[in-house]
Amino acid sequence: MFLLVPAARRRPVLTLGVTLPLVCLMIAAIPGRDRSPLMFLLFVVPDILLGVIVGRCRRSTGVWAAVVSLVAQMLMVAGFSQGPDALISTEVLVTLGIATAYTMGLLARERREHAEATRAQAVAEAVTAERLRIARELHDMVAHSIGIIAIQAGMGSRVVHTQPAEAQAALSTIETTSRETLSGLRRTLVALRRSDADPAAMSSPELNAPAPCLADLDRLAEVTAAAGVRVTLQRVGEERPLPPDIELSAYRIVQEAVTNVVRHAGTPSCTVDIAYGAQDLTLTILDSGRGPTGVGTVNGPHSPTSPNGPSSGVGAGFGITGMRERTALLGGTLTAGPHSGGGFQVTARLPLPVDAA
């Protein structure tokens, strides 16, 4: 019996083809005086093999195996049963045994197929989530830098003959911003190419470079000021290190909001309030510009992320969508819309874990 286990795992059909005739021969070899209905319990072994076949092999193979087993066992019962009463009861038991084995095999097959489908769905969802993460990271990194470069290039071209020093400063800003953007893109591409089989990629300095955090907002304010928008940073509460995912998301949210101010608001200044609370981190970005026309909050019916929303104005495109997704991934909330006193306001609340509170 124990020798059948490895054989049944590798070749269940062949094992059944050998076992079923052997069981029939064993029953036929029992002397007439020693025969009883209990001898047909030997069919439990081929029934177990039948369940393995139904659960692991093709459906048609399982059906044929069940038919062959049923016919063979019925012939043995008809030929070696003692009396009509024993014949009927034994046939019922044999039929129930085959039906039970077939049902258990089907259940095993369904569980396996469900597990495979669940794994495939989990892999697909992980791939989609990674694509969205990369898309957000690329958008937040490139959109801000390209906006700064475009503004500096336009300003430099206008004053290149009348104010050479200003034009030189604009070119320096373009060079610095371009280098930082290329470094970020290189880091992202290295991360995409990394694998366990490529230790060189895993140890690349671009990959191990620290991700942006809230401490880098001062540098962001300097670059934005060079583009013509003065950013006033205000920190409230107990400033402290936060988990890397919160630091990165908070930085990207502020970066995207400030980028929208530079590109759309038409104002020389904006304020960024960072409130460190006991249980959450609150980011408020407010400008005094012209603001969008007919744009509600992110969660409103006229959200820029809504299919029926406007296609232009502050936050149009993927910017607010990316901010909203980053906030939602951390279990927070985000609102973006016209401010009652004029301009546009973005407010994000990111809950903090207990150990960071």
Foldseek 3Di string as FASTA:
>chain_A
DVVVVVVLVVPLVVSLVVQLVVLLVVLVPDDLVPDDLVSLCSCLVSLLSLLSCLQPHDVVSSVVSLVVSLVSSLVSLVVRPDDPVRSVVSNVVSVVSNVVSNVNSVVNNVVVVVVVVVVVVVVVVVVVVVVLVLVLQLCLLPLLLVLLLVLLVVVLVVCCPPDVVLNVLSVVLNVVSVVVSVLQVVLSVLVVPDDPVCVVSVPDPSVVDQAAFPVCVVVVQVSLVSSQAHEAEAEADDDDDAPSLVRNLVVSLVSLQSSLCSPFFPARYWYWYWYDDLWKIKIKIWDQGQFFPPDFKCPDPQHLPDPPHDQDTRPHDCSVVSSQVSLVVQVKHWIWGADPVHTIMIMIIGTGDNVRD
